[in-house]
């Protein structure tokens, strides 16, 4: 029989989420930069990333900002770098401004090596959360679409009973 689990045990289990790794890069002009990354992603931070990504897409739609499909693949790694490094990004919530920073980041020489500094399982956790969210959204829409259609069908049937056309003879 195993030991009794306590919150203290759980705190020890999740302590790796606080780990910080420094990655050095040299800029084009020869300047040296040290970027701090959190290689292991807390599930709550992954959730926040996904929420911000969804908000970005909603705002992009509202602002009528067109994002080419081939660039959409790089948005997730961009948001990973944004959330799990100490690189300073805009605080602006405008999709256009975030998109401008995205274009700068993905064209920077350090983008791919920085992304490669993260463990694959951490990056995979983000993708799994996104796919899980997409699946749950689809299930939610399907379930409630069926319910809405059933209710509308009942209402249609009830309106025939409630609103009988009056006969001309009356």
N, C-alpha and C. Protein backbone atom coordinates (compact mmCIF):
# COMPACT_ATOMS: atom_id res chain seq x y z
N UNK A 1 0.84 -1.18 0.00
CA UNK A 1 0.00 0.00 0.00
C UNK A 1 0.88 1.24 0.00
N UNK A 2 0.48 2.25 -0.79
CA UNK A 2 1.27 3.47 -0.94
C UNK A 2 1.07 4.45 0.19
N UNK A 3 1.85 5.51 0.15
CA UNK A 3 1.77 6.57 1.16
C UNK A 3 0.54 7.44 0.94
N UNK A 4 0.15 8.15 1.97
CA UNK A 4 -0.94 9.11 1.89
C UNK A 4 -0.45 10.33 1.10
N UNK A 5 -1.21 10.72 0.10
CA UNK A 5 -0.86 11.88 -0.72
C UNK A 5 -1.28 13.15 -0.01
N UNK A 6 -0.42 14.15 -0.07
CA UNK A 6 -0.73 15.44 0.54
C UNK A 6 -0.44 16.56 -0.46
N UNK A 7 -0.92 17.74 -0.14
CA UNK A 7 -0.64 18.90 -0.99
C UNK A 7 0.86 19.15 -1.06
N UNK A 8 1.56 18.92 0.01
CA UNK A 8 3.02 19.09 0.01
C UNK A 8 3.66 18.18 -1.04
N UNK A 9 3.14 16.95 -1.18
CA UNK A 9 3.65 16.05 -2.21
C UNK A 9 3.37 16.62 -3.60
N UNK A 10 2.18 17.16 -3.76
CA UNK A 10 1.81 17.74 -5.06
C UNK A 10 2.66 18.96 -5.39
N UNK A 11 2.94 19.78 -4.37
CA UNK A 11 3.79 20.95 -4.59
C UNK A 11 5.17 20.52 -5.09
N UNK A 12 5.67 19.45 -4.52
CA UNK A 12 6.95 18.91 -4.95
C UNK A 12 6.86 18.40 -6.39
N UNK A 13 5.73 17.75 -6.69
CA UNK A 13 5.51 17.20 -8.04
C UNK A 13 5.50 18.29 -9.12
N UNK A 14 4.97 19.46 -8.78
CA UNK A 14 4.83 20.51 -9.80
C UNK A 14 5.95 21.55 -9.74
N UNK A 15 6.93 21.35 -8.88
CA UNK A 15 8.01 22.34 -8.73
C UNK A 15 8.80 22.55 -10.02
N UNK A 16 8.82 21.57 -10.91
CA UNK A 16 9.57 21.72 -12.16
C UNK A 16 8.99 22.83 -13.05
N UNK A 17 7.72 23.21 -12.82
CA UNK A 17 7.11 24.28 -13.61
C UNK A 17 7.77 25.63 -13.32
N UNK A 18 8.47 25.75 -12.19
CA UNK A 18 9.12 27.00 -11.83
C UNK A 18 10.54 27.11 -12.39
N UNK A 19 11.00 26.05 -13.02
CA UNK A 19 12.36 26.03 -13.56
C UNK A 19 12.50 27.09 -14.66
N UNK A 20 13.66 27.76 -14.67
CA UNK A 20 13.96 28.76 -15.68
C UNK A 20 15.32 28.41 -16.29
N UNK A 21 15.37 28.49 -17.62
CA UNK A 21 16.60 28.20 -18.34
C UNK A 21 16.98 29.45 -19.12
N UNK A 22 18.26 29.77 -19.12
CA UNK A 22 18.73 30.91 -19.90
C UNK A 22 19.31 30.42 -21.21
N UNK A 23 18.90 31.09 -22.28
CA UNK A 23 19.37 30.74 -23.62
C UNK A 23 20.04 31.99 -24.19
N UNK A 24 21.27 31.84 -24.64
CA UNK A 24 22.01 32.98 -25.19
C UNK A 24 21.89 33.02 -26.70
N UNK A 25 21.72 34.22 -27.21
CA UNK A 25 21.65 34.45 -28.65
C UNK A 25 22.51 35.65 -29.00
N UNK A 26 23.03 35.62 -30.21
CA UNK A 26 23.78 36.77 -30.69
C UNK A 26 22.97 37.40 -31.81
N UNK A 27 22.74 38.70 -31.69
CA UNK A 27 21.99 39.43 -32.71
C UNK A 27 22.85 39.67 -33.94
N UNK A 28 22.20 40.14 -34.97
CA UNK A 28 22.90 40.40 -36.24
C UNK A 28 24.01 41.42 -36.08
N UNK A 29 23.80 42.37 -35.18
CA UNK A 29 24.80 43.41 -34.97
C UNK A 29 25.87 42.99 -33.97
N UNK A 30 25.88 41.73 -33.58
CA UNK A 30 26.89 41.21 -32.66
C UNK A 30 26.53 41.35 -31.19
N UNK A 31 25.39 41.99 -30.89
CA UNK A 31 24.97 42.11 -29.50
C UNK A 31 24.55 40.74 -28.98
N UNK A 32 24.86 40.52 -27.71
CA UNK A 32 24.49 39.25 -27.09
C UNK A 32 23.23 39.46 -26.25
N UNK A 33 22.32 38.49 -26.35
CA UNK A 33 21.06 38.54 -25.61
C UNK A 33 20.91 37.25 -24.82
N UNK A 34 20.39 37.39 -23.62
CA UNK A 34 20.06 36.23 -22.80
C UNK A 34 18.55 36.24 -22.63
N UNK A 35 17.93 35.16 -23.07
CA UNK A 35 16.48 35.03 -22.97
C UNK A 35 16.19 33.94 -21.94
N UNK A 36 15.33 34.27 -21.02
CA UNK A 36 14.93 33.29 -20.01
C UNK A 36 13.67 32.60 -20.51
N UNK A 37 13.69 31.27 -20.42
CA UNK A 37 12.50 30.50 -20.82
C UNK A 37 12.06 29.61 -19.67
N UNK A 38 10.78 29.35 -19.65
CA UNK A 38 10.22 28.36 -18.72
C UNK A 38 9.97 27.12 -19.58
N UNK A 39 10.83 26.12 -19.47
CA UNK A 39 10.71 24.96 -20.37
C UNK A 39 9.50 24.07 -20.11
N UNK A 40 8.95 24.13 -18.90
CA UNK A 40 7.81 23.28 -18.58
C UNK A 40 6.61 24.17 -18.30
N UNK A 41 5.49 23.84 -18.93
CA UNK A 41 4.32 24.72 -18.94
C UNK A 41 3.26 24.26 -17.96
N UNK A 42 2.92 25.13 -17.02
CA UNK A 42 1.81 24.84 -16.10
C UNK A 42 0.53 24.73 -16.92
N UNK A 43 -0.32 23.76 -16.60
CA UNK A 43 -1.59 23.64 -17.33
C UNK A 43 -2.41 24.94 -17.32
N UNK A 44 -2.40 25.69 -16.21
CA UNK A 44 -3.16 26.94 -16.17
C UNK A 44 -2.57 27.97 -17.14
N UNK A 45 -1.26 27.96 -17.32
CA UNK A 45 -0.62 28.90 -18.25
C UNK A 45 -0.92 28.49 -19.70
N UNK A 46 -1.00 27.20 -19.94
CA UNK A 46 -1.39 26.71 -21.27
C UNK A 46 -2.81 27.16 -21.57
N UNK A 47 -3.70 27.03 -20.59
CA UNK A 47 -5.08 27.48 -20.76
C UNK A 47 -5.11 28.97 -21.10
N UNK A 48 -4.32 29.78 -20.38
CA UNK A 48 -4.27 31.21 -20.65
C UNK A 48 -3.79 31.50 -22.07
N UNK A 49 -2.80 30.74 -22.51
CA UNK A 49 -2.30 30.89 -23.88
C UNK A 49 -3.41 30.61 -24.88
N UNK A 50 -4.14 29.53 -24.69
CA UNK A 50 -5.22 29.15 -25.60
C UNK A 50 -6.31 30.22 -25.60
N UNK A 51 -6.65 30.73 -24.44
CA UNK A 51 -7.67 31.79 -24.35
C UNK A 51 -7.20 33.03 -25.11
N UNK A 52 -5.93 33.40 -24.94
CA UNK A 52 -5.40 34.56 -25.65
C UNK A 52 -5.39 34.33 -27.16
N UNK A 53 -5.07 33.14 -27.58
CA UNK A 53 -5.07 32.80 -29.01
C UNK A 53 -6.48 32.91 -29.59
N UNK A 54 -7.45 32.40 -28.87
CA UNK A 54 -8.85 32.48 -29.31
C UNK A 54 -9.28 33.95 -29.38
N UNK A 55 -8.92 34.72 -28.36
CA UNK A 55 -9.24 36.16 -28.36
C UNK A 55 -8.59 36.87 -29.53
N UNK A 56 -7.36 36.49 -29.84
CA UNK A 56 -6.66 37.08 -30.98
C UNK A 56 -7.44 36.85 -32.27
N UNK A 57 -7.88 35.61 -32.48
CA UNK A 57 -8.64 35.29 -33.69
C UNK A 57 -9.97 36.06 -33.74
N UNK A 58 -10.63 36.19 -32.60
CA UNK A 58 -11.89 36.94 -32.55
C UNK A 58 -11.65 38.41 -32.90
N UNK A 59 -10.61 38.99 -32.32
CA UNK A 59 -10.30 40.39 -32.58
C UNK A 59 -9.85 40.59 -34.03
N UNK A 60 -9.11 39.63 -34.56
CA UNK A 60 -8.69 39.72 -35.96
C UNK A 60 -9.91 39.74 -36.87
N UNK A 61 -10.89 38.92 -36.54
CA UNK A 61 -12.13 38.89 -37.33
C UNK A 61 -12.87 40.23 -37.21
N UNK A 62 -12.97 40.75 -36.00
CA UNK A 62 -13.63 42.04 -35.77
C UNK A 62 -12.93 43.17 -36.52
N UNK A 63 -11.58 43.11 -36.54
CA UNK A 63 -10.78 44.14 -37.21
C UNK A 63 -10.63 43.87 -38.71
N UNK A 64 -11.26 42.79 -39.16
CA UNK A 64 -11.18 42.38 -40.57
C UNK A 64 -9.73 42.19 -41.03
N UNK A 65 -8.94 41.63 -40.13
CA UNK A 65 -7.54 41.33 -40.39
C UNK A 65 -7.46 39.93 -41.00
N UNK A 66 -6.92 39.84 -42.18
CA UNK A 66 -6.78 38.55 -42.87
C UNK A 66 -5.42 37.96 -42.55
N UNK A 67 -5.43 36.74 -42.02
CA UNK A 67 -4.20 36.03 -41.70
C UNK A 67 -4.10 34.84 -42.64
N UNK A 68 -3.11 34.85 -43.52
CA UNK A 68 -2.98 33.73 -44.46
C UNK A 68 -2.86 32.39 -43.73
N UNK A 69 -3.45 31.38 -44.32
CA UNK A 69 -3.47 30.06 -43.69
C UNK A 69 -2.07 29.55 -43.38
N UNK A 70 -1.11 29.79 -44.27
CA UNK A 70 0.24 29.30 -44.05
C UNK A 70 0.91 29.98 -42.84
N UNK A 71 0.46 31.16 -42.48
CA UNK A 71 1.01 31.84 -41.30
C UNK A 71 0.35 31.37 -40.01
N UNK A 72 -0.85 30.85 -40.12
CA UNK A 72 -1.58 30.42 -38.93
C UNK A 72 -0.83 29.31 -38.19
N UNK A 73 -0.08 28.51 -38.93
CA UNK A 73 0.70 27.44 -38.31
C UNK A 73 1.75 27.98 -37.35
N UNK A 74 2.27 29.18 -37.65
CA UNK A 74 3.32 29.77 -36.81
C UNK A 74 2.76 30.56 -35.64
N UNK A 75 1.46 30.78 -35.61
CA UNK A 75 0.88 31.55 -34.51
C UNK A 75 1.03 30.83 -33.17
N UNK A 76 0.86 29.53 -33.17
CA UNK A 76 0.96 28.78 -31.91
C UNK A 76 2.39 28.87 -31.35
N UNK A 77 3.43 28.60 -32.14
CA UNK A 77 4.79 28.78 -31.61
C UNK A 77 5.06 30.22 -31.16
N UNK A 78 4.51 31.19 -31.87
CA UNK A 78 4.66 32.59 -31.47
C UNK A 78 4.07 32.81 -30.08
N UNK A 79 2.86 32.31 -29.85
CA UNK A 79 2.22 32.48 -28.55
C UNK A 79 2.96 31.70 -27.46
N UNK A 80 3.57 30.58 -27.81
CA UNK A 80 4.39 29.84 -26.84
C UNK A 80 5.57 30.70 -26.41
N UNK A 81 6.25 31.29 -27.38
CA UNK A 81 7.39 32.16 -27.06
C UNK A 81 6.91 33.37 -26.26
N UNK A 82 5.78 33.90 -26.63
CA UNK A 82 5.23 35.07 -25.93
C UNK A 82 4.92 34.75 -24.46
N UNK A 83 4.38 33.58 -24.20
CA UNK A 83 3.96 33.22 -22.85
C UNK A 83 5.05 32.62 -21.98
N UNK A 84 6.04 32.00 -22.58
CA UNK A 84 7.00 31.25 -21.78
C UNK A 84 8.44 31.74 -21.90
N UNK A 85 8.61 33.00 -22.31
CA UNK A 85 9.93 33.63 -22.29
C UNK A 85 9.79 34.99 -21.61
N UNK A 86 10.92 35.62 -21.40
CA UNK A 86 10.89 36.96 -20.82
C UNK A 86 11.03 38.05 -21.89
N UNK A 87 10.82 37.70 -23.14
CA UNK A 87 10.84 38.70 -24.21
C UNK A 87 9.67 39.64 -24.00
N UNK A 88 9.93 40.93 -24.15
CA UNK A 88 8.87 41.92 -23.94
C UNK A 88 8.06 42.07 -25.22
N UNK A 89 6.76 41.90 -25.07
CA UNK A 89 5.81 42.05 -26.17
C UNK A 89 4.86 43.18 -25.82
N UNK A 90 4.13 43.63 -26.81
CA UNK A 90 3.15 44.68 -26.59
C UNK A 90 2.08 44.24 -25.61
N UNK A 91 1.52 45.20 -24.93
CA UNK A 91 0.38 44.92 -24.06
C UNK A 91 -0.91 45.18 -24.82
N UNK A 92 -0.78 45.66 -26.03
CA UNK A 92 -1.95 45.97 -26.84
C UNK A 92 -2.78 44.73 -27.08
N UNK A 93 -4.08 44.90 -27.06
CA UNK A 93 -5.00 43.79 -27.34
C UNK A 93 -5.46 43.83 -28.79
N UNK A 94 -5.04 44.83 -29.54
CA UNK A 94 -5.44 44.94 -30.94
C UNK A 94 -4.75 43.85 -31.75
N UNK A 95 -5.55 43.13 -32.52
CA UNK A 95 -5.01 42.02 -33.32
C UNK A 95 -3.96 42.52 -34.31
N UNK A 96 -4.17 43.69 -34.87
CA UNK A 96 -3.22 44.22 -35.85
C UNK A 96 -1.83 44.40 -35.23
N UNK A 97 -1.77 44.91 -34.01
CA UNK A 97 -0.48 45.12 -33.33
C UNK A 97 0.16 43.78 -32.98
N UNK A 98 -0.62 42.85 -32.47
CA UNK A 98 -0.09 41.51 -32.14
C UNK A 98 0.42 40.84 -33.41
N UNK A 99 -0.33 41.00 -34.51
CA UNK A 99 0.06 40.40 -35.78
C UNK A 99 1.38 41.00 -36.28
N UNK A 100 1.57 42.30 -36.10
CA UNK A 100 2.84 42.94 -36.49
C UNK A 100 4.00 42.35 -35.71
N UNK A 101 3.80 42.16 -34.40
CA UNK A 101 4.86 41.56 -33.59
C UNK A 101 5.11 40.11 -34.00
N UNK A 102 4.05 39.41 -34.33
CA UNK A 102 4.17 38.03 -34.81
C UNK A 102 5.05 38.00 -36.06
N UNK A 103 4.78 38.90 -37.02
CA UNK A 103 5.56 38.93 -38.26
C UNK A 103 7.04 39.21 -37.97
N UNK A 104 7.30 40.10 -37.03
CA UNK A 104 8.69 40.40 -36.66
C UNK A 104 9.34 39.17 -36.03
N UNK A 105 8.64 38.56 -35.09
CA UNK A 105 9.20 37.41 -34.36
C UNK A 105 9.51 36.23 -35.28
N UNK A 106 8.57 35.89 -36.17
CA UNK A 106 8.81 34.69 -36.99
C UNK A 106 9.91 34.91 -38.03
N UNK A 107 10.20 36.16 -38.33
CA UNK A 107 11.27 36.46 -39.28
C UNK A 107 12.62 36.64 -38.61
N UNK A 108 12.64 36.67 -37.28
CA UNK A 108 13.89 36.82 -36.55
C UNK A 108 14.68 35.52 -36.60
N UNK A 109 15.98 35.63 -36.72
CA UNK A 109 16.85 34.46 -36.82
C UNK A 109 16.76 33.58 -35.58
N UNK A 110 16.41 34.17 -34.44
CA UNK A 110 16.39 33.38 -33.21
C UNK A 110 15.06 32.64 -32.98
N UNK A 111 14.07 32.85 -33.82
CA UNK A 111 12.75 32.27 -33.60
C UNK A 111 12.80 30.74 -33.52
N UNK A 112 13.35 30.10 -34.53
CA UNK A 112 13.38 28.63 -34.56
C UNK A 112 14.30 28.07 -33.48
N UNK A 113 15.54 28.58 -33.32
CA UNK A 113 16.38 28.05 -32.24
C UNK A 113 15.76 28.24 -30.86
N UNK A 114 15.06 29.35 -30.67
CA UNK A 114 14.41 29.58 -29.37
C UNK A 114 13.29 28.57 -29.16
N UNK A 115 12.51 28.34 -30.19
CA UNK A 115 11.44 27.34 -30.11
C UNK A 115 12.03 25.95 -29.84
N UNK A 116 13.15 25.65 -30.46
CA UNK A 116 13.81 24.36 -30.26
C UNK A 116 14.35 24.18 -28.85
N UNK A 117 14.49 25.27 -28.10
CA UNK A 117 14.99 25.18 -26.73
C UNK A 117 13.94 24.62 -25.77
N UNK A 118 12.68 24.62 -26.20
CA UNK A 118 11.61 24.07 -25.36
C UNK A 118 11.54 22.56 -25.55
N UNK A 119 11.29 21.83 -24.48
CA UNK A 119 11.10 20.37 -24.62
C UNK A 119 9.87 20.08 -25.49
N UNK A 120 9.98 19.07 -26.29
CA UNK A 120 8.89 18.70 -27.20
C UNK A 120 7.59 18.40 -26.45
N UNK A 121 7.69 17.78 -25.28
CA UNK A 121 6.47 17.45 -24.54
C UNK A 121 5.74 18.71 -24.05
N UNK A 122 6.47 19.79 -23.81
CA UNK A 122 5.82 21.04 -23.41
C UNK A 122 5.04 21.63 -24.58
N UNK A 123 5.66 21.65 -25.72
CA UNK A 123 5.00 22.17 -26.92
C UNK A 123 3.80 21.30 -27.26
N UNK A 124 3.96 20.01 -27.14
CA UNK A 124 2.87 19.08 -27.42
C UNK A 124 1.68 19.32 -26.49
N UNK A 125 1.94 19.69 -25.24
CA UNK A 125 0.86 19.98 -24.29
C UNK A 125 0.00 21.14 -24.77
N UNK A 126 0.62 22.12 -25.41
CA UNK A 126 -0.14 23.26 -25.94
C UNK A 126 -1.03 22.79 -27.08
N UNK A 127 -0.46 22.05 -28.02
CA UNK A 127 -1.25 21.56 -29.16
C UNK A 127 -2.39 20.66 -28.70
N UNK A 128 -2.12 19.81 -27.72
CA UNK A 128 -3.17 18.92 -27.21
C UNK A 128 -4.30 19.72 -26.59
N UNK A 129 -3.96 20.78 -25.87
CA UNK A 129 -4.99 21.63 -25.25
C UNK A 129 -5.83 22.31 -26.33
N UNK A 130 -5.17 22.76 -27.38
CA UNK A 130 -5.89 23.42 -28.47
C UNK A 130 -6.81 22.42 -29.17
N UNK A 131 -6.31 21.24 -29.49
CA UNK A 131 -7.14 20.24 -30.16
C UNK A 131 -8.29 19.80 -29.26
N UNK A 132 -8.02 19.69 -27.96
CA UNK A 132 -9.07 19.34 -27.02
C UNK A 132 -10.15 20.42 -27.00
N UNK A 133 -9.73 21.67 -27.02
CA UNK A 133 -10.67 22.79 -27.03
C UNK A 133 -11.52 22.78 -28.31
N UNK A 134 -10.87 22.51 -29.43
CA UNK A 134 -11.59 22.45 -30.71
C UNK A 134 -12.63 21.33 -30.68
N UNK A 135 -12.21 20.17 -30.16
CA UNK A 135 -13.12 19.02 -30.08
C UNK A 135 -14.30 19.31 -29.16
N UNK A 136 -14.02 19.90 -28.00
CA UNK A 136 -15.11 20.21 -27.07
C UNK A 136 -16.06 21.25 -27.65
N UNK A 137 -15.52 22.22 -28.35
CA UNK A 137 -16.35 23.24 -28.98
C UNK A 137 -17.25 22.60 -30.03
N UNK A 138 -16.69 21.70 -30.83
CA UNK A 138 -17.47 21.02 -31.86
C UNK A 138 -18.57 20.18 -31.22
N UNK A 139 -18.24 19.45 -30.15
CA UNK A 139 -19.25 18.64 -29.45
C UNK A 139 -20.34 19.52 -28.86
N UNK A 140 -19.93 20.64 -28.28
CA UNK A 140 -20.89 21.58 -27.69
C UNK A 140 -21.83 22.11 -28.76
N UNK A 141 -21.27 22.53 -29.88
CA UNK A 141 -22.09 23.07 -30.97
C UNK A 141 -23.05 22.00 -31.49
N UNK A 142 -22.54 20.79 -31.67
CA UNK A 142 -23.38 19.71 -32.19
C UNK A 142 -24.52 19.40 -31.23
N UNK A 143 -24.19 19.29 -29.95
CA UNK A 143 -25.21 18.97 -28.95
C UNK A 143 -26.28 20.04 -28.90
N UNK A 144 -25.86 21.28 -28.81
CA UNK A 144 -26.83 22.36 -28.66
C UNK A 144 -27.52 22.71 -29.97
N UNK A 145 -26.88 22.43 -31.08
CA UNK A 145 -27.55 22.62 -32.37
C UNK A 145 -28.70 21.63 -32.49
N UNK A 146 -28.45 20.38 -32.11
CA UNK A 146 -29.51 19.37 -32.14
C UNK A 146 -30.66 19.76 -31.21
N UNK A 147 -30.31 20.23 -30.01
CA UNK A 147 -31.35 20.65 -29.06
C UNK A 147 -32.14 21.84 -29.60
N UNK A 148 -31.43 22.80 -30.18
CA UNK A 148 -32.10 23.98 -30.73
C UNK A 148 -33.02 23.59 -31.88
N UNK A 149 -32.56 22.68 -32.72
CA UNK A 149 -33.40 22.22 -33.83
C UNK A 149 -34.64 21.50 -33.32
N UNK A 150 -34.49 20.70 -32.27
CA UNK A 150 -35.63 19.99 -31.70
C UNK A 150 -36.63 20.99 -31.11
N UNK A 151 -36.12 21.98 -30.40
CA UNK A 151 -36.99 23.00 -29.81
C UNK A 151 -37.71 23.78 -30.90
N UNK A 152 -36.98 24.17 -31.93
CA UNK A 152 -37.60 24.90 -33.03
C UNK A 152 -38.65 24.04 -33.73
N UNK A 153 -38.36 22.75 -33.86
CA UNK A 153 -39.34 21.84 -34.46
C UNK A 153 -40.60 21.77 -33.62
N UNK A 154 -40.46 21.69 -32.30
CA UNK A 154 -41.62 21.68 -31.41
C UNK A 154 -42.39 22.99 -31.50
N UNK A 155 -41.65 24.10 -31.55
CA UNK A 155 -42.31 25.41 -31.63
C UNK A 155 -43.09 25.52 -32.93
N UNK A 156 -42.51 25.00 -33.99
CA UNK A 156 -43.19 25.03 -35.29
C UNK A 156 -44.50 24.25 -35.21
N UNK A 157 -44.42 23.05 -34.59
CA UNK A 157 -45.62 22.23 -34.43
C UNK A 157 -46.65 22.93 -33.55
N UNK A 158 -46.18 23.56 -32.48
CA UNK A 158 -47.08 24.26 -31.56
C UNK A 158 -47.73 25.48 -32.20
N UNK A 159 -47.02 26.15 -33.08
CA UNK A 159 -47.60 27.34 -33.71
C UNK A 159 -48.76 26.94 -34.61
N UNK A 160 -48.71 25.75 -35.16
CA UNK A 160 -49.83 25.29 -35.99
C UNK A 160 -51.08 25.13 -35.13
N UNK A 161 -50.89 24.67 -33.91
CA UNK A 161 -52.01 24.49 -33.00
C UNK A 161 -52.48 25.84 -32.46
N UNK A 162 -51.53 26.67 -32.07
CA UNK A 162 -51.88 27.94 -31.46
C UNK A 162 -52.46 28.96 -32.43
N UNK A 163 -51.96 28.95 -33.61
CA UNK A 163 -52.38 29.97 -34.59
C UNK A 163 -53.08 29.34 -35.79
N UNK A 164 -54.21 28.76 -35.51
CA UNK A 164 -55.02 28.19 -36.61
C UNK A 164 -55.56 29.33 -37.43
N UNK A 165 -55.48 29.20 -38.69
CA UNK A 165 -56.08 30.26 -39.51
C UNK A 165 -57.59 30.31 -39.24
N UNK A 166 -58.08 31.51 -39.12
CA UNK A 166 -59.53 31.67 -38.87
C UNK A 166 -60.28 31.31 -40.14
N UNK A 167 -61.44 30.68 -39.94
CA UNK A 167 -62.21 30.34 -41.11
C UNK A 167 -62.93 31.59 -41.61
N UNK A 168 -63.17 31.66 -42.89
CA UNK A 168 -63.77 32.83 -43.52
C UNK A 168 -65.25 32.94 -43.17
N UNK A 169 -65.84 31.85 -42.78
CA UNK A 169 -67.28 31.87 -42.50
C UNK A 169 -67.60 32.51 -41.15
N UNK A 170 -66.59 32.60 -40.27
CA UNK A 170 -66.86 33.14 -38.93
C UNK A 170 -66.95 34.61 -38.91
